[in-house]
Amino acid sequence: MRKQIICWVLLGTTCNAVPAMACTQMQVLPSPKVAKGAMMTLVCKTDIDVKQVAAEIAGQEWNAALPNLYDDGSHGDSAANDKAYSLALTAPTVSGTYRVKFYRILPDQNELESQLLTFEVQ
């Protein structure tokens, strides 16, 4: 749901503001540690309608760009249309600390980044 704010720049006109967070909730499952080469799921819960949710994972020896997380009840997503975008994937086969960043692309093409979320692979 969009929030209304007052925009004083143009004679006090009213406009819609979008919350400035990429995800209201972020998870890497299973948590807190993921087994090497096991299935894992990334989850980004959002509070408004979005065009797309993407993610990037970075580690010392393994990186991945994931252009599509899903809210369709498949691909590791638990329920369709609940604004929780998910993706099931195979975890890295190298132990270490990894960082994931989510990107929320809005219908107007604006993009918001999440803070980094770290997870351990053992």
PDB file of N, CA and C in Angstrom:
ATOM      1  N   MET A   1       0.847  -1.166   0.000  1.00  0.00           N
ATOM      2  CA  MET A   1       0.000   0.000   0.000  1.00  0.00           C
ATOM      3  C   MET A   1       0.898   1.236   0.000  1.00  0.00           C
ATOM      4  N   ARG A   2       0.629   2.163  -0.864  1.00  0.00           N
ATOM      5  CA  ARG A   2       1.418   3.392  -0.945  1.00  0.00           C
ATOM      6  C   ARG A   2       0.961   4.371   0.129  1.00  0.00           C
ATOM      7  N   LYS A   3       1.913   5.130   0.624  1.00  0.00           N
ATOM      8  CA  LYS A   3       1.619   6.137   1.635  1.00  0.00           C
ATOM      9  C   LYS A   3       1.554   7.503   0.971  1.00  0.00           C
ATOM     10  N   GLN A   4       0.652   8.344   1.426  1.00  0.00           N
ATOM     11  CA  GLN A   4       0.543   9.699   0.897  1.00  0.00           C
ATOM     12  C   GLN A   4       1.430  10.630   1.713  1.00  0.00           C
ATOM     13  N   ILE A   5       2.160  11.492   1.031  1.00  0.00           N
ATOM     14  CA  ILE A   5       2.943  12.526   1.697  1.00  0.00           C
ATOM     15  C   ILE A   5       2.669  13.850   1.004  1.00  0.00           C
ATOM     16  N   ILE A   6       3.052  14.908   1.628  1.00  0.00           N
ATOM     17  CA  ILE A   6       2.896  16.232   1.030  1.00  0.00           C
ATOM     18  C   ILE A   6       4.216  16.617   0.370  1.00  0.00           C
ATOM     19  N   CYS A   7       4.159  17.010  -0.899  1.00  0.00           N
ATOM     20  CA  CYS A   7       5.345  17.447  -1.636  1.00  0.00           C
ATOM     21  C   CYS A   7       5.322  18.961  -1.708  1.00  0.00           C
ATOM     22  N   TRP A   8       6.153  19.612  -0.929  1.00  0.00           N
ATOM     23  CA  TRP A   8       6.162  21.059  -0.859  1.00  0.00           C
ATOM     24  C   TRP A   8       6.936  21.695  -1.996  1.00  0.00           C
ATOM     25  N   VAL A   9       7.635  20.921  -2.780  1.00  0.00           N
ATOM     26  CA  VAL A   9       8.452  21.461  -3.859  1.00  0.00           C
ATOM     27  C   VAL A   9       7.595  22.162  -4.900  1.00  0.00           C
ATOM     28  N   LEU A  10       6.479  21.554  -5.285  1.00  0.00           N
ATOM     29  CA  LEU A  10       5.612  22.127  -6.318  1.00  0.00           C
ATOM     30  C   LEU A  10       4.296  22.603  -5.704  1.00  0.00           C
ATOM     31  N   LEU A  11       4.354  23.720  -5.023  1.00  0.00           N
ATOM     32  CA  LEU A  11       3.159  24.373  -4.485  1.00  0.00           C
ATOM     33  C   LEU A  11       2.335  23.468  -3.583  1.00  0.00           C
ATOM     34  N   GLY A  12       2.984  22.622  -2.810  1.00  0.00           N
ATOM     35  CA  GLY A  12       2.270  21.799  -1.851  1.00  0.00           C
ATOM     36  C   GLY A  12       1.431  20.704  -2.465  1.00  0.00           C
ATOM     37  N   THR A  13       1.798  20.203  -3.640  1.00  0.00           N
ATOM     38  CA  THR A  13       1.015  19.137  -4.258  1.00  0.00           C
ATOM     39  C   THR A  13       1.189  17.832  -3.490  1.00  0.00           C
ATOM     40  N   THR A  14       0.216  16.952  -3.613  1.00  0.00           N
ATOM     41  CA  THR A  14       0.259  15.651  -2.967  1.00  0.00           C
ATOM     42  C   THR A  14       0.790  14.624  -3.950  1.00  0.00           C
ATOM     43  N   CYS A  15       1.654  13.731  -3.467  1.00  0.00           N
ATOM     44  CA  CYS A  15       2.158  12.660  -4.322  1.00  0.00           C
ATOM     45  C   CYS A  15       2.264  11.383  -3.502  1.00  0.00           C
ATOM     46  N   ASN A  16       2.493  10.270  -4.179  1.00  0.00           N
ATOM     47  CA  ASN A  16       2.647   8.990  -3.502  1.00  0.00           C
ATOM     48  C   ASN A  16       4.117   8.721  -3.250  1.00  0.00           C
ATOM     49  N   ALA A  17       4.420   8.199  -2.084  1.00  0.00           N
ATOM     50  CA  ALA A  17       5.799   7.828  -1.757  1.00  0.00           C
ATOM     51  C   ALA A  17       5.871   6.325  -1.569  1.00  0.00           C
ATOM     52  N   VAL A  18       6.964   5.748  -2.016  1.00  0.00           N
ATOM     53  CA  VAL A  18       7.180   4.316  -1.882  1.00  0.00           C
ATOM     54  C   VAL A  18       8.166   4.092  -0.746  1.00  0.00           C
ATOM     55  N   PRO A  19       7.884   3.151   0.164  1.00  0.00           N
ATOM     56  CA  PRO A  19       8.848   2.877   1.226  1.00  0.00           C
ATOM     57  C   PRO A  19      10.219   2.568   0.638  1.00  0.00           C
ATOM     58  N   ALA A  20      11.278   3.012   1.296  1.00  0.00           N
ATOM     59  CA  ALA A  20      12.623   2.930   0.736  1.00  0.00           C
ATOM     60  C   ALA A  20      13.390   1.680   1.143  1.00  0.00           C
ATOM     61  N   MET A  21      12.709   0.579   1.360  1.00  0.00           N
ATOM     62  CA  MET A  21      13.387  -0.668   1.681  1.00  0.00           C
ATOM     63  C   MET A  21      13.177  -1.655   0.544  1.00  0.00           C
ATOM     64  N   ALA A  22      14.221  -2.395   0.209  1.00  0.00           N
ATOM     65  CA  ALA A  22      14.081  -3.405  -0.836  1.00  0.00           C
ATOM     66  C   ALA A  22      13.255  -4.578  -0.335  1.00  0.00           C
ATOM     67  N   CYS A  23      13.468  -4.984   0.890  1.00  0.00           N
ATOM     68  CA  CYS A  23      12.733  -6.110   1.471  1.00  0.00           C
ATOM     69  C   CYS A  23      12.355  -5.756   2.901  1.00  0.00           C
ATOM     70  N   THR A  24      11.140  -6.104   3.291  1.00  0.00           N
ATOM     71  CA  THR A  24      10.750  -5.911   4.679  1.00  0.00           C
ATOM     72  C   THR A  24      11.231  -7.068   5.534  1.00  0.00           C
ATOM     73  N   GLN A  25      11.552  -8.191   4.894  1.00  0.00           N
ATOM     74  CA  GLN A  25      12.072  -9.364   5.590  1.00  0.00           C
ATOM     75  C   GLN A  25      12.934 -10.148   4.609  1.00  0.00           C
ATOM     76  N   MET A  26      14.121 -10.578   5.035  1.00  0.00           N
ATOM     77  CA  MET A  26      15.032 -11.339   4.170  1.00  0.00           C
ATOM     78  C   MET A  26      15.452 -12.604   4.900  1.00  0.00           C
ATOM     79  N   GLN A  27      15.545 -13.713   4.143  1.00  0.00           N
ATOM     80  CA  GLN A  27      15.964 -14.972   4.739  1.00  0.00           C
ATOM     81  C   GLN A  27      16.762 -15.802   3.753  1.00  0.00           C
ATOM     82  N   VAL A  28      17.680 -16.593   4.300  1.00  0.00           N
ATOM     83  CA  VAL A  28      18.319 -17.678   3.580  1.00  0.00           C
ATOM     84  C   VAL A  28      17.984 -18.924   4.386  1.00  0.00           C
ATOM     85  N   LEU A  29      17.321 -19.876   3.761  1.00  0.00           N
ATOM     86  CA  LEU A  29      16.901 -21.095   4.449  1.00  0.00           C
ATOM     87  C   LEU A  29      17.623 -22.298   3.869  1.00  0.00           C
ATOM     88  N   PRO A  30      17.992 -23.315   4.621  1.00  0.00           N
ATOM     89  CA  PRO A  30      17.831 -23.376   6.077  1.00  0.00           C
ATOM     90  C   PRO A  30      18.780 -22.404   6.765  1.00  0.00           C
ATOM     91  N   SER A  31      18.442 -22.045   7.954  1.00  0.00           N
ATOM     92  CA  SER A  31      19.223 -21.065   8.687  1.00  0.00           C
ATOM     93  C   SER A  31      19.618 -21.662  10.032  1.00  0.00           C
ATOM     94  N   PRO A  32      20.736 -21.368  10.630  1.00  0.00           N
ATOM     95  CA  PRO A  32      21.689 -20.330  10.262  1.00  0.00           C
ATOM     96  C   PRO A  32      22.785 -20.806   9.314  1.00  0.00           C
ATOM     97  N   LYS A  33      22.903 -22.123   9.093  1.00  0.00           N
ATOM     98  CA  LYS A  33      23.968 -22.615   8.218  1.00  0.00           C
ATOM     99  C   LYS A  33      23.386 -23.479   7.113  1.00  0.00           C
ATOM    100  N   VAL A  34      24.028 -23.426   5.949  1.00  0.00           N
ATOM    101  CA  VAL A  34      23.611 -24.200   4.784  1.00  0.00           C
ATOM    102  C   VAL A  34      24.702 -25.229   4.503  1.00  0.00           C
ATOM    103  N   ALA A  35      24.308 -26.465   4.211  1.00  0.00           N
ATOM    104  CA  ALA A  35      25.287 -27.510   3.889  1.00  0.00           C
ATOM    105  C   ALA A  35      25.786 -27.332   2.459  1.00  0.00           C
ATOM    106  N   LYS A  36      27.071 -27.616   2.243  1.00  0.00           N
ATOM    107  CA  LYS A  36      27.668 -27.508   0.905  1.00  0.00           C
ATOM    108  C   LYS A  36      26.878 -28.353  -0.091  1.00  0.00           C
ATOM    109  N   GLY A  37      26.503 -27.760  -1.211  1.00  0.00           N
ATOM    110  CA  GLY A  37      25.817 -28.458  -2.287  1.00  0.00           C
ATOM    111  C   GLY A  37      24.378 -28.841  -2.005  1.00  0.00           C
ATOM    112  N   ALA A  38      23.837 -28.452  -0.844  1.00  0.00           N
ATOM    113  CA  ALA A  38      22.445 -28.763  -0.492  1.00  0.00           C
ATOM    114  C   ALA A  38      21.505 -27.735  -1.121  1.00  0.00           C
ATOM    115  N   MET A  39      20.226 -28.021  -1.093  1.00  0.00           N
ATOM    116  CA  MET A  39      19.242 -27.047  -1.568  1.00  0.00           C
ATOM    117  C   MET A  39      19.077 -25.955  -0.515  1.00  0.00           C
ATOM    118  N   MET A  40      18.993 -24.732  -0.990  1.00  0.00           N
ATOM    119  CA  MET A  40      18.751 -23.587  -0.122  1.00  0.00           C
ATOM    120  C   MET A  40      17.702 -22.702  -0.786  1.00  0.00           C
ATOM    121  N   THR A  41      17.081 -21.843  -0.005  1.00  0.00           N
ATOM    122  CA  THR A  41      16.052 -20.952  -0.534  1.00  0.00           C
ATOM    123  C   THR A  41      16.325 -19.528  -0.080  1.00  0.00           C
ATOM    124  N   LEU A  42      16.272 -18.599  -1.025  1.00  0.00           N
ATOM    125  CA  LEU A  42      16.354 -17.168  -0.735  1.00  0.00           C
ATOM    126  C   LEU A  42      14.936 -16.625  -0.662  1.00  0.00           C
ATOM    127  N   VAL A  43      14.652 -15.758   0.316  1.00  0.00           N
ATOM    128  CA  VAL A  43      13.314 -15.179   0.466  1.00  0.00           C
ATOM    129  C   VAL A  43      13.440 -13.680   0.711  1.00  0.00           C
ATOM    130  N   CYS A  44      12.686 -12.903  -0.061  1.00  0.00           N
ATOM    131  CA  CYS A  44      12.592 -11.451   0.114  1.00  0.00           C
ATOM    132  C   CYS A  44      11.109 -11.103   0.200  1.00  0.00           C
ATOM    133  N   LYS A  45      10.661 -10.690   1.371  1.00  0.00           N
ATOM    134  CA  LYS A  45       9.272 -10.278   1.570  1.00  0.00           C
ATOM    135  C   LYS A  45       9.198  -8.783   1.308  1.00  0.00           C
ATOM    136  N   THR A  46       8.234  -8.373   0.492  1.00  0.00           N
ATOM    137  CA  THR A  46       8.072  -6.962   0.162  1.00  0.00           C
ATOM    138  C   THR A  46       6.693  -6.490   0.613  1.00  0.00           C
ATOM    139  N   ASP A  47       6.526  -5.203   0.747  1.00  0.00           N
ATOM    140  CA  ASP A  47       5.272  -4.670   1.263  1.00  0.00           C
ATOM    141  C   ASP A  47       4.401  -4.001   0.198  1.00  0.00           C
ATOM    142  N   ILE A  48       4.877  -3.937  -1.033  1.00  0.00           N
ATOM    143  CA  ILE A  48       4.094  -3.325  -2.107  1.00  0.00           C
ATOM    144  C   ILE A  48       4.232  -4.165  -3.370  1.00  0.00           C
ATOM    145  N   ASP A  49       3.444  -3.846  -4.368  1.00  0.00           N
ATOM    146  CA  ASP A  49       3.554  -4.547  -5.646  1.00  0.00           C
ATOM    147  C   ASP A  49       4.859  -4.166  -6.326  1.00  0.00           C
ATOM    148  N   VAL A  50       5.509  -5.161  -6.906  1.00  0.00           N
ATOM    149  CA  VAL A  50       6.771  -4.947  -7.598  1.00  0.00           C
ATOM    150  C   VAL A  50       6.706  -5.583  -8.976  1.00  0.00           C
ATOM    151  N   LYS A  51       7.594  -5.148  -9.843  1.00  0.00           N
ATOM    152  CA  LYS A  51       7.693  -5.738 -11.171  1.00  0.00           C
ATOM    153  C   LYS A  51       8.583  -6.974 -11.132  1.00  0.00           C
ATOM    154  N   GLN A  52       9.641  -6.920 -10.306  1.00  0.00           N
ATOM    155  CA  GLN A  52      10.619  -8.003 -10.283  1.00  0.00           C
ATOM    156  C   GLN A  52      11.431  -7.919  -8.994  1.00  0.00           C
ATOM    157  N   VAL A  53      11.850  -9.078  -8.491  1.00  0.00           N
ATOM    158  CA  VAL A  53      12.799  -9.146  -7.384  1.00  0.00           C
ATOM    159  C   VAL A  53      13.962 -10.002  -7.854  1.00  0.00           C
ATOM    160  N   ALA A  54      15.169  -9.507  -7.645  1.00  0.00           N
ATOM    161  CA  ALA A  54      16.385 -10.206  -8.061  1.00  0.00           C
ATOM    162  C   ALA A  54      17.326 -10.287  -6.860  1.00  0.00           C
ATOM    163  N   ALA A  55      18.397 -11.071  -7.011  1.00  0.00           N
ATOM    164  CA  ALA A  55      19.379 -11.195  -5.936  1.00  0.00           C
ATOM    165  C   ALA A  55      20.761 -11.445  -6.519  1.00  0.00           C
ATOM    166  N   GLU A  56      21.761 -11.095  -5.739  1.00  0.00           N
ATOM    167  CA  GLU A  56      23.156 -11.416  -6.060  1.00  0.00           C
ATOM    168  C   GLU A  56      23.773 -12.065  -4.832  1.00  0.00           C
ATOM    169  N   ILE A  57      24.526 -13.135  -5.062  1.00  0.00           N
ATOM    170  CA  ILE A  57      25.259 -13.796  -3.988  1.00  0.00           C
ATOM    171  C   ILE A  57      26.741 -13.649  -4.291  1.00  0.00           C
ATOM    172  N   ALA A  58      27.519 -13.299  -3.272  1.00  0.00           N
ATOM    173  CA  ALA A  58      28.964 -13.137  -3.460  1.00  0.00           C
ATOM    174  C   ALA A  58      29.711 -13.816  -2.320  1.00  0.00           C
ATOM    175  N   GLY A  59      30.766 -14.513  -2.701  1.00  0.00           N
ATOM    176  CA  GLY A  59      31.659 -15.151  -1.742  1.00  0.00           C
ATOM    177  C   GLY A  59      33.065 -15.102  -2.299  1.00  0.00           C
ATOM    178  N   GLN A  60      34.027 -15.637  -1.565  1.00  0.00           N
ATOM    179  CA  GLN A  60      35.410 -15.578  -2.032  1.00  0.00           C
ATOM    180  C   GLN A  60      35.622 -16.398  -3.297  1.00  0.00           C
ATOM    181  N   GLU A  61      34.930 -17.527  -3.417  1.00  0.00           N
ATOM    182  CA  GLU A  61      35.170 -18.397  -4.568  1.00  0.00           C
ATOM    183  C   GLU A  61      33.914 -18.739  -5.360  1.00  0.00           C
ATOM    184  N   TRP A  62      32.798 -18.073  -5.076  1.00  0.00           N
ATOM    185  CA  TRP A  62      31.545 -18.400  -5.767  1.00  0.00           C
ATOM    186  C   TRP A  62      30.660 -17.166  -5.779  1.00  0.00           C
ATOM    187  N   ASN A  63      30.174 -16.796  -6.949  1.00  0.00           N
ATOM    188  CA  ASN A  63      29.265 -15.657  -7.107  1.00  0.00           C
ATOM    189  C   ASN A  63      28.117 -16.072  -8.008  1.00  0.00           C
ATOM    190  N   ALA A  64      26.954 -15.460  -7.801  1.00  0.00           N
ATOM    191  CA  ALA A  64      25.804 -15.761  -8.658  1.00  0.00           C
ATOM    192  C   ALA A  64      24.916 -14.531  -8.777  1.00  0.00           C
ATOM    193  N   ALA A  65      24.451 -14.270  -9.994  1.00  0.00           N
ATOM    194  CA  ALA A  65      23.436 -13.248 -10.251  1.00  0.00           C
ATOM    195  C   ALA A  65      22.141 -13.993 -10.527  1.00  0.00           C
ATOM    196  N   LEU A  66      21.111 -13.683  -9.771  1.00  0.00           N
ATOM    197  CA  LEU A  66      19.828 -14.378  -9.868  1.00  0.00           C
ATOM    198  C   LEU A  66      18.767 -13.347 -10.237  1.00  0.00           C
ATOM    199  N   PRO A  67      18.445 -13.226 -11.518  1.00  0.00           N
ATOM    200  CA  PRO A  67      17.576 -12.139 -11.964  1.00  0.00           C
ATOM    201  C   PRO A  67      16.112 -12.280 -11.582  1.00  0.00           C
ATOM    202  N   ASN A  68      15.671 -13.462 -11.178  1.00  0.00           N
ATOM    203  CA  ASN A  68      14.247 -13.631 -10.880  1.00  0.00           C
ATOM    204  C   ASN A  68      14.012 -14.470  -9.639  1.00  0.00           C
ATOM    205  N   LEU A  69      13.384 -13.851  -8.632  1.00  0.00           N
ATOM    206  CA  LEU A  69      12.793 -14.589  -7.538  1.00  0.00           C
ATOM    207  C   LEU A  69      11.299 -14.610  -7.827  1.00  0.00           C
ATOM    208  N   TYR A  70      10.587 -15.577  -7.281  1.00  0.00           N
ATOM    209  CA  TYR A  70       9.209 -15.824  -7.699  1.00  0.00           C
ATOM    210  C   TYR A  70       8.226 -15.728  -6.538  1.00  0.00           C
ATOM    211  N   ASP A  71       7.018 -15.303  -6.857  1.00  0.00           N
ATOM    212  CA  ASP A  71       5.895 -15.282  -5.925  1.00  0.00           C
ATOM    213  C   ASP A  71       4.738 -16.046  -6.561  1.00  0.00           C
ATOM    214  N   ASP A  72       5.041 -17.267  -7.018  1.00  0.00           N
ATOM    215  CA  ASP A  72       4.063 -18.046  -7.781  1.00  0.00           C
ATOM    216  C   ASP A  72       3.731 -19.397  -7.158  1.00  0.00           C
ATOM    217  N   GLY A  73       4.214 -19.657  -5.949  1.00  0.00           N
ATOM    218  CA  GLY A  73       3.953 -20.938  -5.304  1.00  0.00           C
ATOM    219  C   GLY A  73       4.842 -22.063  -5.805  1.00  0.00           C
ATOM    220  N   SER A  74       5.824 -21.757  -6.653  1.00  0.00           N
ATOM    221  CA  SER A  74       6.792 -22.760  -7.110  1.00  0.00           C
ATOM    222  C   SER A  74       8.184 -22.131  -7.062  1.00  0.00           C
ATOM    223  N   HIS A  75       9.180 -22.797  -7.560  1.00  0.00           N
ATOM    224  CA  HIS A  75      10.568 -22.309  -7.533  1.00  0.00           C
ATOM    225  C   HIS A  75      11.079 -22.115  -6.104  1.00  0.00           C
ATOM    226  N   GLY A  76      10.505 -22.830  -5.139  1.00  0.00           N
ATOM    227  CA  GLY A  76      10.878 -22.661  -3.737  1.00  0.00           C
ATOM    228  C   GLY A  76       9.994 -21.682  -2.995  1.00  0.00           C
ATOM    229  N   ASP A  77       9.027 -21.083  -3.678  1.00  0.00           N
ATOM    230  CA  ASP A  77       8.100 -20.135  -3.064  1.00  0.00           C
ATOM    231  C   ASP A  77       6.982 -20.910  -2.375  1.00  0.00           C
ATOM    232  N   SER A  78       6.706 -20.594  -1.113  1.00  0.00           N
ATOM    233  CA  SER A  78       5.732 -21.378  -0.353  1.00  0.00           C
ATOM    234  C   SER A  78       4.276 -21.077  -0.695  1.00  0.00           C
ATOM    235  N   ALA A  79       3.949 -19.852  -1.085  1.00  0.00           N
ATOM    236  CA  ALA A  79       2.561 -19.503  -1.405  1.00  0.00           C
ATOM    237  C   ALA A  79       2.538 -18.417  -2.476  1.00  0.00           C
ATOM    238  N   ALA A  80       1.660 -18.570  -3.438  1.00  0.00           N
ATOM    239  CA  ALA A  80       1.550 -17.593  -4.525  1.00  0.00           C
ATOM    240  C   ALA A  80       0.911 -16.296  -4.032  1.00  0.00           C
ATOM    241  N   ASN A  81       1.379 -15.185  -4.594  1.00  0.00           N
ATOM    242  CA  ASN A  81       0.783 -13.860  -4.399  1.00  0.00           C
ATOM    243  C   ASN A  81       0.734 -13.382  -2.949  1.00  0.00           C
ATOM    244  N   ASP A  82       1.730 -13.782  -2.145  1.00  0.00           N
ATOM    245  CA  ASP A  82       1.794 -13.311  -0.758  1.00  0.00           C
ATOM    246  C   ASP A  82       2.870 -12.244  -0.558  1.00  0.00           C
ATOM    247  N   LYS A  83       3.459 -11.777  -1.655  1.00  0.00           N
ATOM    248  CA  LYS A  83       4.515 -10.758  -1.668  1.00  0.00           C
ATOM    249  C   LYS A  83       5.807 -11.236  -1.014  1.00  0.00           C
ATOM    250  N   ALA A  84       5.967 -12.557  -0.892  1.00  0.00           N
ATOM    251  CA  ALA A  84       7.240 -13.154  -0.462  1.00  0.00           C
ATOM    252  C   ALA A  84       7.838 -13.809  -1.698  1.00  0.00           C
ATOM    253  N   TYR A  85       8.892 -13.217  -2.226  1.00  0.00           N
ATOM    254  CA  TYR A  85       9.543 -13.698  -3.449  1.00  0.00           C
ATOM    255  C   TYR A  85      10.670 -14.641  -3.053  1.00  0.00           C
ATOM    256  N   SER A  86      10.706 -15.824  -3.671  1.00  0.00           N
ATOM    257  CA  SER A  86      11.642 -16.869  -3.266  1.00  0.00           C
ATOM    258  C   SER A  86      12.289 -17.523  -4.468  1.00  0.00           C
ATOM    259  N   LEU A  87      13.402 -18.188  -4.194  1.00  0.00           N
ATOM    260  CA  LEU A  87      14.074 -18.989  -5.213  1.00  0.00           C
ATOM    261  C   LEU A  87      14.837 -20.102  -4.519  1.00  0.00           C
ATOM    262  N   ALA A  88      14.566 -21.348  -4.928  1.00  0.00           N
ATOM    263  CA  ALA A  88      15.328 -22.500  -4.448  1.00  0.00           C
ATOM    264  C   ALA A  88      16.501 -22.712  -5.395  1.00  0.00           C
ATOM    265  N   LEU A  89      17.674 -22.960  -4.836  1.00  0.00           N
ATOM    266  CA  LEU A  89      18.860 -23.186  -5.647  1.00  0.00           C
ATOM    267  C   LEU A  89      19.829 -24.069  -4.881  1.00  0.00           C
ATOM    268  N   THR A  90      20.823 -24.582  -5.584  1.00  0.00           N
ATOM    269  CA  THR A  90      21.854 -25.394  -4.960  1.00  0.00           C
ATOM    270  C   THR A  90      22.884 -24.482  -4.307  1.00  0.00           C
ATOM    271  N   ALA A  91      23.193 -24.769  -3.056  1.00  0.00           N
ATOM    272  CA  ALA A  91      24.170 -23.966  -2.314  1.00  0.00           C
ATOM    273  C   ALA A  91      25.564 -24.149  -2.906  1.00  0.00           C
ATOM    274  N   PRO A  92      26.437 -23.188  -2.663  1.00  0.00           N
ATOM    275  CA  PRO A  92      27.827 -23.335  -3.105  1.00  0.00           C
ATOM    276  C   PRO A  92      28.443 -24.616  -2.538  1.00  0.00           C
ATOM    277  N   THR A  93      29.422 -25.147  -3.246  1.00  0.00           N
ATOM    278  CA  THR A  93      30.107 -26.358  -2.783  1.00  0.00           C
ATOM    279  C   THR A  93      31.388 -26.028  -2.029  1.00  0.00           C
ATOM    280  N   VAL A  94      31.649 -24.759  -1.837  1.00  0.00           N
ATOM    281  CA  VAL A  94      32.828 -24.297  -1.102  1.00  0.00           C
ATOM    282  C   VAL A  94      32.362 -23.668   0.214  1.00  0.00           C
ATOM    283  N   SER A  95      32.913 -24.154   1.323  1.00  0.00           N
ATOM    284  CA  SER A  95      32.570 -23.589   2.632  1.00  0.00           C
ATOM    285  C   SER A  95      33.004 -22.133   2.717  1.00  0.00           C
ATOM    286  N   GLY A  96      32.275 -21.372   3.511  1.00  0.00           N
ATOM    287  CA  GLY A  96      32.659 -19.986   3.732  1.00  0.00           C
ATOM    288  C   GLY A  96      31.472 -19.105   4.043  1.00  0.00           C
ATOM    289  N   THR A  97      31.758 -17.827   4.169  1.00  0.00           N
ATOM    290  CA  THR A  97      30.734 -16.819   4.413  1.00  0.00           C
ATOM    291  C   THR A  97      30.350 -16.194   3.079  1.00  0.00           C
ATOM    292  N   TYR A  98      29.060 -16.096   2.842  1.00  0.00           N
ATOM    293  CA  TYR A  98      28.536 -15.524   1.600  1.00  0.00           C
ATOM    294  C   TYR A  98      27.619 -14.360   1.943  1.00  0.00           C
ATOM    295  N   ARG A  99      27.525 -13.433   1.013  1.00  0.00           N
ATOM    296  CA  ARG A  99      26.665 -12.263   1.168  1.00  0.00           C
ATOM    297  C   ARG A  99      25.614 -12.267   0.067  1.00  0.00           C
ATOM    298  N   VAL A 100      24.395 -11.953   0.441  1.00  0.00           N
ATOM    299  CA  VAL A 100      23.335 -11.837  -0.560  1.00  0.00           C
ATOM    300  C   VAL A 100      22.739 -10.438  -0.460  1.00  0.00           C
ATOM    301  N   LYS A 101      22.461  -9.864  -1.619  1.00  0.00           N
ATOM    302  CA  LYS A 101      21.792  -8.566  -1.706  1.00  0.00           C
ATOM    303  C   LYS A 101      20.591  -8.752  -2.621  1.00  0.00           C
ATOM    304  N   PHE A 102      19.442  -8.245  -2.178  1.00  0.00           N
ATOM    305  CA  PHE A 102      18.215  -8.321  -2.965  1.00  0.00           C
ATOM    306  C   PHE A 102      17.973  -6.984  -3.661  1.00  0.00           C
ATOM    307  N   TYR A 103      17.330  -7.043  -4.807  1.00  0.00           N
ATOM    308  CA  TYR A 103      16.966  -5.856  -5.583  1.00  0.00           C
ATOM    309  C   TYR A 103      15.477  -5.928  -5.880  1.00  0.00           C
ATOM    310  N   ARG A 104      14.775  -4.865  -5.581  1.00  0.00           N
ATOM    311  CA  ARG A 104      13.347  -4.792  -5.867  1.00  0.00           C
ATOM    312  C   ARG A 104      13.165  -3.787  -6.987  1.00  0.00           C
ATOM    313  N   ILE A 105      12.619  -4.248  -8.113  1.00  0.00           N
ATOM    314  CA  ILE A 105      12.371  -3.369  -9.251  1.00  0.00           C
ATOM    315  C   ILE A 105      10.880  -3.031  -9.248  1.00  0.00           C
ATOM    316  N   LEU A 106      10.591  -1.752  -9.174  1.00  0.00           N
ATOM    317  CA  LEU A 106       9.211  -1.274  -9.101  1.00  0.00           C
ATOM    318  C   LEU A 106       8.610  -1.151 -10.494  1.00  0.00           C
ATOM    319  N   PRO A 107       7.287  -1.060 -10.591  1.00  0.00           N
ATOM    320  CA  PRO A 107       6.649  -0.918 -11.903  1.00  0.00           C
ATOM    321  C   PRO A 107       7.157   0.277 -12.711  1.00  0.00           C
ATOM    322  N   ASP A 108       7.618   1.350 -12.050  1.00  0.00           N
ATOM    323  CA  ASP A 108       8.144   2.513 -12.776  1.00  0.00           C
ATOM    324  C   ASP A 108       9.635   2.368 -13.100  1.00  0.00           C
ATOM    325  N   GLN A 109      10.190   1.174 -12.910  1.00  0.00           N
ATOM    326  CA  GLN A 109      11.588   0.827 -13.190  1.00  0.00           C
ATOM    327  C   GLN A 109      12.574   1.319 -12.139  1.00  0.00           C
ATOM    328  N   ASN A 110      12.120   2.014 -11.097  1.00  0.00           N
ATOM    329  CA  ASN A 110      13.029   2.369 -10.011  1.00  0.00           C
ATOM    330  C   ASN A 110      13.473   1.102  -9.308  1.00  0.00           C
ATOM    331  N   GLU A 111      14.692   1.116  -8.796  1.00  0.00           N
ATOM    332  CA  GLU A 111      15.270  -0.070  -8.172  1.00  0.00           C
ATOM    333  C   GLU A 111      15.745   0.269  -6.769  1.00  0.00           C
ATOM    334  N   LEU A 112      15.439  -0.597  -5.825  1.00  0.00           N
ATOM    335  CA  LEU A 112      15.905  -0.435  -4.454  1.00  0.00           C
ATOM    336  C   LEU A 112      16.758  -1.634  -4.081  1.00  0.00           C
ATOM    337  N   GLU A 113      17.842  -1.401  -3.345  1.00  0.00           N
ATOM    338  CA  GLU A 113      18.732  -2.467  -2.896  1.00  0.00           C
ATOM    339  C   GLU A 113      18.512  -2.725  -1.411  1.00  0.00           C
ATOM    340  N   SER A 114      18.654  -3.989  -1.024  1.00  0.00           N
ATOM    341  CA  SER A 114      18.596  -4.330   0.392  1.00  0.00           C
ATOM    342  C   SER A 114      19.965  -4.141   1.025  1.00  0.00           C
ATOM    343  N   GLN A 115      20.000  -4.224   2.327  1.00  0.00           N
ATOM    344  CA  GLN A 115      21.273  -4.332   3.017  1.00  0.00           C
ATOM    345  C   GLN A 115      21.814  -5.726   2.741  1.00  0.00           C
ATOM    346  N   LEU A 116      23.091  -5.934   3.007  1.00  0.00           N
ATOM    347  CA  LEU A 116      23.680  -7.254   2.818  1.00  0.00           C
ATOM    348  C   LEU A 116      23.207  -8.201   3.912  1.00  0.00           C
ATOM    349  N   LEU A 117      22.898  -9.414   3.509  1.00  0.00           N
ATOM    350  CA  LEU A 117      22.536 -10.489   4.424  1.00  0.00           C
ATOM    351  C   LEU A 117      23.618 -11.548   4.277  1.00  0.00           C
ATOM    352  N   THR A 118      24.206 -11.983   5.372  1.00  0.00           N
ATOM    353  CA  THR A 118      25.266 -12.987   5.278  1.00  0.00           C
ATOM    354  C   THR A 118      24.737 -14.349   5.703  1.00  0.00           C
ATOM    355  N   PHE A 119      25.337 -15.392   5.126  1.00  0.00           N
ATOM    356  CA  PHE A 119      25.023 -16.757   5.537  1.00  0.00           C
ATOM    357  C   PHE A 119      26.277 -17.604   5.425  1.00  0.00           C
ATOM    358  N   GLU A 120      26.288 -18.699   6.162  1.00  0.00           N
ATOM    359  CA  GLU A 120      27.436 -19.598   6.209  1.00  0.00           C
ATOM    360  C   GLU A 120      27.130 -20.880   5.452  1.00  0.00           C
ATOM    361  N   VAL A 121      28.110 -21.349   4.694  1.00  0.00           N
ATOM    362  CA  VAL A 121      28.033 -22.651   4.036  1.00  0.00           C
ATOM    363  C   VAL A 121      29.099 -23.525   4.680  1.00  0.00           C
ATOM    364  N   GLN A 122      28.686 -24.726   5.127  1.00  0.00           N
ATOM    365  CA  GLN A 122      29.632 -25.659   5.756  1.00  0.00           C
ATOM    366  C   GLN A 122      29.528 -27.026   5.131  1.00  0.00           C
TER     367      GLN A 122
END
